[in-house]
Amino acid sequence: MNPQRLPAELSPAELQGYKDGVNAAEHDIRLHEPPDLRKHLRFRNPPVPTVVAREYRQEFRAGYEQAIHGGPLPPGY
């Protein structure tokens, strides 16, 4: 997530992507699996309309990386 943008500024698809990315990372951490966002079905096949799939994937990646690297989640998450 761009640190200049708060969750309220994201589109519904972007916010869902970010949350799904965090959840995917937490899953990998919990199972002690190596980080690889590409193995997650929601990253490969976003559950959003095709026109917003790129934005969903960008935020999925941001949420995944944030959770993997242990950074703080943005306010309002």
PDB file of N, CA and C in Angstrom:
ATOM      1  N   MET A   1       0.862  -1.170   0.000  1.00  0.00           N
ATOM      2  CA  MET A   1       0.000   0.000   0.000  1.00  0.00           C
ATOM      3  C   MET A   1       0.898   1.219   0.000  1.00  0.00           C
ATOM      4  N   ASN A   2       0.593   2.131  -0.837  1.00  0.00           N
ATOM      5  CA  ASN A   2       1.323   3.378  -0.865  1.00  0.00           C
ATOM      6  C   ASN A   2       1.160   4.054   0.485  1.00  0.00           C
ATOM      7  N   PRO A   3       2.268   4.377   1.175  1.00  0.00           N
ATOM      8  CA  PRO A   3       2.144   4.964   2.507  1.00  0.00           C
ATOM      9  C   PRO A   3       1.414   6.303   2.524  1.00  0.00           C
ATOM     10  N   GLN A   4       1.256   6.907   1.360  1.00  0.00           N
ATOM     11  CA  GLN A   4       0.541   8.176   1.289  1.00  0.00           C
ATOM     12  C   GLN A   4      -0.971   7.976   1.229  1.00  0.00           C
ATOM     13  N   ARG A   5      -1.404   6.724   1.023  1.00  0.00           N
ATOM     14  CA  ARG A   5      -2.834   6.434   0.872  1.00  0.00           C
ATOM     15  C   ARG A   5      -3.332   5.626   2.059  1.00  0.00           C
ATOM     16  N   LEU A   6      -4.447   6.041   2.593  1.00  0.00           N
ATOM     17  CA  LEU A   6      -5.086   5.318   3.687  1.00  0.00           C
ATOM     18  C   LEU A   6      -6.088   4.331   3.102  1.00  0.00           C
ATOM     19  N   PRO A   7      -6.478   3.311   3.871  1.00  0.00           N
ATOM     20  CA  PRO A   7      -7.456   2.352   3.358  1.00  0.00           C
ATOM     21  C   PRO A   7      -8.727   3.002   2.809  1.00  0.00           C
ATOM     22  N   ALA A   8      -9.155   4.093   3.415  1.00  0.00           N
ATOM     23  CA  ALA A   8     -10.371   4.756   2.939  1.00  0.00           C
ATOM     24  C   ALA A   8     -10.199   5.340   1.537  1.00  0.00           C
ATOM     25  N   GLU A   9      -8.949   5.526   1.107  1.00  0.00           N
ATOM     26  CA  GLU A   9      -8.688   6.093  -0.213  1.00  0.00           C
ATOM     27  C   GLU A   9      -8.568   5.027  -1.301  1.00  0.00           C
ATOM     28  N   LEU A  10      -8.567   3.771  -0.910  1.00  0.00           N
ATOM     29  CA  LEU A  10      -8.445   2.686  -1.877  1.00  0.00           C
ATOM     30  C   LEU A  10      -9.807   2.304  -2.423  1.00  0.00           C
ATOM     31  N   SER A  11      -9.817   1.804  -3.633  1.00  0.00           N
ATOM     32  CA  SER A  11     -11.054   1.280  -4.194  1.00  0.00           C
ATOM     33  C   SER A  11     -11.375  -0.023  -3.466  1.00  0.00           C
ATOM     34  N   PRO A  12     -12.610  -0.481  -3.554  1.00  0.00           N
ATOM     35  CA  PRO A  12     -12.947  -1.767  -2.916  1.00  0.00           C
ATOM     36  C   PRO A  12     -12.055  -2.912  -3.398  1.00  0.00           C
ATOM     37  N   ALA A  13     -11.722  -2.953  -4.684  1.00  0.00           N
ATOM     38  CA  ALA A  13     -10.862  -4.023  -5.212  1.00  0.00           C
ATOM     39  C   ALA A  13      -9.449  -3.917  -4.644  1.00  0.00           C
ATOM     40  N   GLU A  14      -8.935  -2.699  -4.540  1.00  0.00           N
ATOM     41  CA  GLU A  14      -7.593  -2.510  -3.986  1.00  0.00           C
ATOM     42  C   GLU A  14      -7.552  -2.912  -2.515  1.00  0.00           C
ATOM     43  N   LEU A  15      -8.547  -2.491  -1.749  1.00  0.00           N
ATOM     44  CA  LEU A  15      -8.589  -2.834  -0.331  1.00  0.00           C
ATOM     45  C   LEU A  15      -8.701  -4.339  -0.143  1.00  0.00           C
ATOM     46  N   GLN A  16      -9.525  -4.994  -0.948  1.00  0.00           N
ATOM     47  CA  GLN A  16      -9.652  -6.447  -0.859  1.00  0.00           C
ATOM     48  C   GLN A  16      -8.330  -7.118  -1.220  1.00  0.00           C
ATOM     49  N   GLY A  17      -7.653  -6.615  -2.231  1.00  0.00           N
ATOM     50  CA  GLY A  17      -6.357  -7.162  -2.611  1.00  0.00           C
ATOM     51  C   GLY A  17      -5.351  -7.045  -1.484  1.00  0.00           C
ATOM     52  N   TYR A  18      -5.311  -5.889  -0.841  1.00  0.00           N
ATOM     53  CA  TYR A  18      -4.380  -5.689   0.267  1.00  0.00           C
ATOM     54  C   TYR A  18      -4.681  -6.670   1.401  1.00  0.00           C
ATOM     55  N   LYS A  19      -5.931  -6.757   1.794  1.00  0.00           N
ATOM     56  CA  LYS A  19      -6.314  -7.672   2.877  1.00  0.00           C
ATOM     57  C   LYS A  19      -6.029  -9.122   2.508  1.00  0.00           C
ATOM     58  N   ASP A  20      -6.323  -9.501   1.271  1.00  0.00           N
ATOM     59  CA  ASP A  20      -6.054 -10.871   0.839  1.00  0.00           C
ATOM     60  C   ASP A  20      -4.556 -11.154   0.843  1.00  0.00           C
ATOM     61  N   GLY A  21      -3.755 -10.168   0.478  1.00  0.00           N
ATOM     62  CA  GLY A  21      -2.300 -10.340   0.511  1.00  0.00           C
ATOM     63  C   GLY A  21      -1.776 -10.536   1.924  1.00  0.00           C
ATOM     64  N   VAL A  22      -2.292  -9.753   2.870  1.00  0.00           N
ATOM     65  CA  VAL A  22      -1.895  -9.905   4.273  1.00  0.00           C
ATOM     66  C   VAL A  22      -2.296 -11.293   4.763  1.00  0.00           C
ATOM     67  N   ASN A  23      -3.518 -11.705   4.460  1.00  0.00           N
ATOM     68  CA  ASN A  23      -3.981 -13.027   4.900  1.00  0.00           C
ATOM     69  C   ASN A  23      -3.138 -14.147   4.290  1.00  0.00           C
ATOM     70  N   ALA A  24      -2.761 -14.012   3.032  1.00  0.00           N
ATOM     71  CA  ALA A  24      -1.936 -15.028   2.375  1.00  0.00           C
ATOM     72  C   ALA A  24      -0.561 -15.112   3.041  1.00  0.00           C
ATOM     73  N   ALA A  25       0.016 -13.966   3.356  1.00  0.00           N
ATOM     74  CA  ALA A  25       1.324 -13.956   4.019  1.00  0.00           C
ATOM     75  C   ALA A  25       1.225 -14.568   5.413  1.00  0.00           C
ATOM     76  N   GLU A  26       0.179 -14.225   6.146  1.00  0.00           N
ATOM     77  CA  GLU A  26       0.012 -14.792   7.482  1.00  0.00           C
ATOM     78  C   GLU A  26      -0.145 -16.307   7.410  1.00  0.00           C
ATOM     79  N   HIS A  27      -0.813 -16.785   6.387  1.00  0.00           N
ATOM     80  CA  HIS A  27      -0.961 -18.226   6.167  1.00  0.00           C
ATOM     81  C   HIS A  27       0.408 -18.873   5.945  1.00  0.00           C
ATOM     82  N   ASP A  28       1.223 -18.268   5.067  1.00  0.00           N
ATOM     83  CA  ASP A  28       2.546 -18.812   4.787  1.00  0.00           C
ATOM     84  C   ASP A  28       3.425 -18.798   6.041  1.00  0.00           C
ATOM     85  N   ILE A  29       3.356 -17.724   6.802  1.00  0.00           N
ATOM     86  CA  ILE A  29       4.145 -17.623   8.028  1.00  0.00           C
ATOM     87  C   ILE A  29       3.716 -18.699   9.015  1.00  0.00           C
ATOM     88  N   ARG A  30       2.425 -18.842   9.190  1.00  0.00           N
ATOM     89  CA  ARG A  30       1.882 -19.823  10.143  1.00  0.00           C
ATOM     90  C   ARG A  30       2.314 -21.250   9.785  1.00  0.00           C
ATOM     91  N   LEU A  31       2.369 -21.559   8.490  1.00  0.00           N
ATOM     92  CA  LEU A  31       2.739 -22.902   8.042  1.00  0.00           C
ATOM     93  C   LEU A  31       4.237 -23.046   7.770  1.00  0.00           C
ATOM     94  N   HIS A  32       5.002 -21.991   8.050  1.00  0.00           N
ATOM     95  CA  HIS A  32       6.456 -21.996   7.837  1.00  0.00           C
ATOM     96  C   HIS A  32       6.805 -22.303   6.382  1.00  0.00           C
ATOM     97  N   GLU A  33       6.029 -21.763   5.474  1.00  0.00           N
ATOM     98  CA  GLU A  33       6.285 -21.954   4.046  1.00  0.00           C
ATOM     99  C   GLU A  33       7.116 -20.788   3.521  1.00  0.00           C
ATOM    100  N   PRO A  34       7.953 -21.050   2.534  1.00  0.00           N
ATOM    101  CA  PRO A  34       8.722 -19.941   1.956  1.00  0.00           C
ATOM    102  C   PRO A  34       7.778 -18.930   1.299  1.00  0.00           C
ATOM    103  N   PRO A  35       8.094 -17.662   1.420  1.00  0.00           N
ATOM    104  CA  PRO A  35       7.220 -16.649   0.827  1.00  0.00           C
ATOM    105  C   PRO A  35       7.223 -16.714  -0.700  1.00  0.00           C
ATOM    106  N   ASP A  36       6.031 -16.768  -1.253  1.00  0.00           N
ATOM    107  CA  ASP A  36       5.867 -16.761  -2.704  1.00  0.00           C
ATOM    108  C   ASP A  36       4.408 -16.419  -2.994  1.00  0.00           C
ATOM    109  N   LEU A  37       4.159 -15.177  -3.257  1.00  0.00           N
ATOM    110  CA  LEU A  37       2.771 -14.745  -3.457  1.00  0.00           C
ATOM    111  C   LEU A  37       2.149 -15.361  -4.700  1.00  0.00           C
ATOM    112  N   ARG A  38       2.973 -15.777  -5.658  1.00  0.00           N
ATOM    113  CA  ARG A  38       2.449 -16.344  -6.902  1.00  0.00           C
ATOM    114  C   ARG A  38       1.765 -17.692  -6.712  1.00  0.00           C
ATOM    115  N   LYS A  39       2.020 -18.350  -5.588  1.00  0.00           N
ATOM    116  CA  LYS A  39       1.384 -19.652  -5.357  1.00  0.00           C
ATOM    117  C   LYS A  39      -0.057 -19.504  -4.867  1.00  0.00           C
ATOM    118  N   HIS A  40      -0.456 -18.300  -4.531  1.00  0.00           N
ATOM    119  CA  HIS A  40      -1.798 -18.079  -3.998  1.00  0.00           C
ATOM    120  C   HIS A  40      -2.805 -17.853  -5.124  1.00  0.00           C
ATOM    121  N   LEU A  41      -3.861 -18.631  -5.077  1.00  0.00           N
ATOM    122  CA  LEU A  41      -4.886 -18.593  -6.114  1.00  0.00           C
ATOM    123  C   LEU A  41      -5.463 -17.197  -6.312  1.00  0.00           C
ATOM    124  N   ARG A  42      -5.700 -16.479  -5.232  1.00  0.00           N
ATOM    125  CA  ARG A  42      -6.300 -15.146  -5.372  1.00  0.00           C
ATOM    126  C   ARG A  42      -5.357 -14.155  -6.058  1.00  0.00           C
ATOM    127  N   PHE A  43      -4.058 -14.370  -5.942  1.00  0.00           N
ATOM    128  CA  PHE A  43      -3.120 -13.514  -6.673  1.00  0.00           C
ATOM    129  C   PHE A  43      -3.134 -13.885  -8.154  1.00  0.00           C
ATOM    130  N   ARG A  44      -3.105 -15.183  -8.427  1.00  0.00           N
ATOM    131  CA  ARG A  44      -3.086 -15.645  -9.825  1.00  0.00           C
ATOM    132  C   ARG A  44      -4.409 -15.406 -10.536  1.00  0.00           C
ATOM    133  N   ASN A  45      -5.505 -15.528  -9.809  1.00  0.00           N
ATOM    134  CA  ASN A  45      -6.837 -15.392 -10.397  1.00  0.00           C
ATOM    135  C   ASN A  45      -7.671 -14.485  -9.488  1.00  0.00           C
ATOM    136  N   PRO A  46      -7.468 -13.174  -9.571  1.00  0.00           N
ATOM    137  CA  PRO A  46      -8.144 -12.253  -8.667  1.00  0.00           C
ATOM    138  C   PRO A  46      -9.670 -12.377  -8.710  1.00  0.00           C
ATOM    139  N   PRO A  47     -10.307 -12.319  -7.535  1.00  0.00           N
ATOM    140  CA  PRO A  47     -11.768 -12.436  -7.466  1.00  0.00           C
ATOM    141  C   PRO A  47     -12.468 -11.101  -7.712  1.00  0.00           C
ATOM    142  N   VAL A  48     -11.994 -10.388  -8.717  1.00  0.00           N
ATOM    143  CA  VAL A  48     -12.546  -9.070  -9.056  1.00  0.00           C
ATOM    144  C   VAL A  48     -12.703  -8.997 -10.573  1.00  0.00           C
ATOM    145  N   PRO A  49     -13.475  -8.037 -11.061  1.00  0.00           N
ATOM    146  CA  PRO A  49     -13.593  -7.880 -12.514  1.00  0.00           C
ATOM    147  C   PRO A  49     -12.220  -7.637 -13.164  1.00  0.00           C
ATOM    148  N   THR A  50     -12.065  -8.102 -14.367  1.00  0.00           N
ATOM    149  CA  THR A  50     -10.802  -8.002 -15.097  1.00  0.00           C
ATOM    150  C   THR A  50     -10.275  -6.570 -15.164  1.00  0.00           C
ATOM    151  N   VAL A  51     -11.161  -5.597 -15.260  1.00  0.00           N
ATOM    152  CA  VAL A  51     -10.721  -4.199 -15.403  1.00  0.00           C
ATOM    153  C   VAL A  51      -9.994  -3.679 -14.169  1.00  0.00           C
ATOM    154  N   VAL A  52     -10.164  -4.315 -13.020  1.00  0.00           N
ATOM    155  CA  VAL A  52      -9.478  -3.870 -11.795  1.00  0.00           C
ATOM    156  C   VAL A  52      -8.509  -4.934 -11.262  1.00  0.00           C
ATOM    157  N   ALA A  53      -8.253  -5.976 -12.044  1.00  0.00           N
ATOM    158  CA  ALA A  53      -7.367  -7.061 -11.593  1.00  0.00           C
ATOM    159  C   ALA A  53      -5.946  -6.567 -11.340  1.00  0.00           C
ATOM    160  N   ARG A  54      -5.448  -5.664 -12.167  1.00  0.00           N
ATOM    161  CA  ARG A  54      -4.085  -5.146 -11.990  1.00  0.00           C
ATOM    162  C   ARG A  54      -3.946  -4.421 -10.659  1.00  0.00           C
ATOM    163  N   GLU A  55      -4.931  -3.577 -10.336  1.00  0.00           N
ATOM    164  CA  GLU A  55      -4.909  -2.837  -9.078  1.00  0.00           C
ATOM    165  C   GLU A  55      -5.019  -3.788  -7.876  1.00  0.00           C
ATOM    166  N   TYR A  56      -5.877  -4.803  -8.019  1.00  0.00           N
ATOM    167  CA  TYR A  56      -6.018  -5.810  -6.960  1.00  0.00           C
ATOM    168  C   TYR A  56      -4.674  -6.481  -6.714  1.00  0.00           C
ATOM    169  N   ARG A  57      -3.999  -6.910  -7.790  1.00  0.00           N
ATOM    170  CA  ARG A  57      -2.709  -7.598  -7.651  1.00  0.00           C
ATOM    171  C   ARG A  57      -1.643  -6.681  -7.043  1.00  0.00           C
ATOM    172  N   GLN A  58      -1.645  -5.418  -7.420  1.00  0.00           N
ATOM    173  CA  GLN A  58      -0.674  -4.477  -6.846  1.00  0.00           C
ATOM    174  C   GLN A  58      -0.847  -4.398  -5.337  1.00  0.00           C
ATOM    175  N   GLU A  59      -2.073  -4.288  -4.883  1.00  0.00           N
ATOM    176  CA  GLU A  59      -2.316  -4.179  -3.445  1.00  0.00           C
ATOM    177  C   GLU A  59      -2.142  -5.523  -2.742  1.00  0.00           C
ATOM    178  N   PHE A  60      -2.444  -6.628  -3.419  1.00  0.00           N
ATOM    179  CA  PHE A  60      -2.178  -7.953  -2.851  1.00  0.00           C
ATOM    180  C   PHE A  60      -0.682  -8.053  -2.557  1.00  0.00           C
ATOM    181  N   ARG A  61       0.120  -7.673  -3.546  1.00  0.00           N
ATOM    182  CA  ARG A  61       1.577  -7.717  -3.387  1.00  0.00           C
ATOM    183  C   ARG A  61       2.017  -6.819  -2.231  1.00  0.00           C
ATOM    184  N   ALA A  62       1.467  -5.626  -2.149  1.00  0.00           N
ATOM    185  CA  ALA A  62       1.833  -4.699  -1.073  1.00  0.00           C
ATOM    186  C   ALA A  62       1.475  -5.271   0.294  1.00  0.00           C
ATOM    187  N   GLY A  63       0.281  -5.823   0.432  1.00  0.00           N
ATOM    188  CA  GLY A  63      -0.128  -6.414   1.704  1.00  0.00           C
ATOM    189  C   GLY A  63       0.704  -7.621   2.061  1.00  0.00           C
ATOM    190  N   TYR A  64       1.009  -8.443   1.077  1.00  0.00           N
ATOM    191  CA  TYR A  64       1.826  -9.641   1.296  1.00  0.00           C
ATOM    192  C   TYR A  64       3.215  -9.238   1.783  1.00  0.00           C
ATOM    193  N   GLU A  65       3.838  -8.318   1.078  1.00  0.00           N
ATOM    194  CA  GLU A  65       5.184  -7.867   1.440  1.00  0.00           C
ATOM    195  C   GLU A  65       5.196  -7.212   2.823  1.00  0.00           C
ATOM    196  N   GLN A  66       4.198  -6.411   3.106  1.00  0.00           N
ATOM    197  CA  GLN A  66       4.105  -5.747   4.410  1.00  0.00           C
ATOM    198  C   GLN A  66       4.052  -6.777   5.532  1.00  0.00           C
ATOM    199  N   ALA A  67       3.242  -7.796   5.366  1.00  0.00           N
ATOM    200  CA  ALA A  67       3.083  -8.814   6.404  1.00  0.00           C
ATOM    201  C   ALA A  67       4.319  -9.718   6.494  1.00  0.00           C
ATOM    202  N   ILE A  68       4.910 -10.080   5.378  1.00  0.00           N
ATOM    203  CA  ILE A  68       6.106 -10.929   5.373  1.00  0.00           C
ATOM    204  C   ILE A  68       7.265 -10.241   6.068  1.00  0.00           C
ATOM    205  N   HIS A  69       7.435  -8.970   5.799  1.00  0.00           N
ATOM    206  CA  HIS A  69       8.565  -8.244   6.349  1.00  0.00           C
ATOM    207  C   HIS A  69       8.285  -7.637   7.716  1.00  0.00           C
ATOM    208  N   GLY A  70       7.098  -7.900   8.250  1.00  0.00           N
ATOM    209  CA  GLY A  70       6.802  -7.506   9.617  1.00  0.00           C
ATOM    210  C   GLY A  70       6.599  -6.026   9.856  1.00  0.00           C
ATOM    211  N   GLY A  71       6.327  -5.298   8.816  1.00  0.00           N
ATOM    212  CA  GLY A  71       6.083  -3.879   8.993  1.00  0.00           C
ATOM    213  C   GLY A  71       4.710  -3.625   9.585  1.00  0.00           C
ATOM    214  N   PRO A  72       4.511  -2.446  10.130  1.00  0.00           N
ATOM    215  CA  PRO A  72       3.202  -2.134  10.699  1.00  0.00           C
ATOM    216  C   PRO A  72       2.145  -2.009   9.613  1.00  0.00           C
ATOM    217  N   LEU A  73       0.951  -2.446   9.930  1.00  0.00           N
ATOM    218  CA  LEU A  73      -0.150  -2.267   8.998  1.00  0.00           C
ATOM    219  C   LEU A  73      -0.601  -0.819   9.042  1.00  0.00           C
ATOM    220  N   PRO A  74      -1.110  -0.305   7.944  1.00  0.00           N
ATOM    221  CA  PRO A  74      -1.538   1.087   7.915  1.00  0.00           C
ATOM    222  C   PRO A  74      -2.724   1.322   8.843  1.00  0.00           C
ATOM    223  N   PRO A  75      -2.915   2.566   9.275  1.00  0.00           N
ATOM    224  CA  PRO A  75      -4.066   2.875  10.137  1.00  0.00           C
ATOM    225  C   PRO A  75      -5.382   2.534   9.449  1.00  0.00           C
ATOM    226  N   GLY A  76      -6.299   1.992  10.171  1.00  0.00           N
ATOM    227  CA  GLY A  76      -7.609   1.679   9.624  1.00  0.00           C
ATOM    228  C   GLY A  76      -7.715   0.324   8.996  1.00  0.00           C
ATOM    229  N   TYR A  77      -6.613  -0.451   8.987  1.00  0.00           N
ATOM    230  CA  TYR A  77      -6.678  -1.773   8.367  1.00  0.00           C
ATOM    231  C   TYR A  77      -7.461  -2.716   9.242  1.00  0.00           C
TER     232      TYR A  77
END
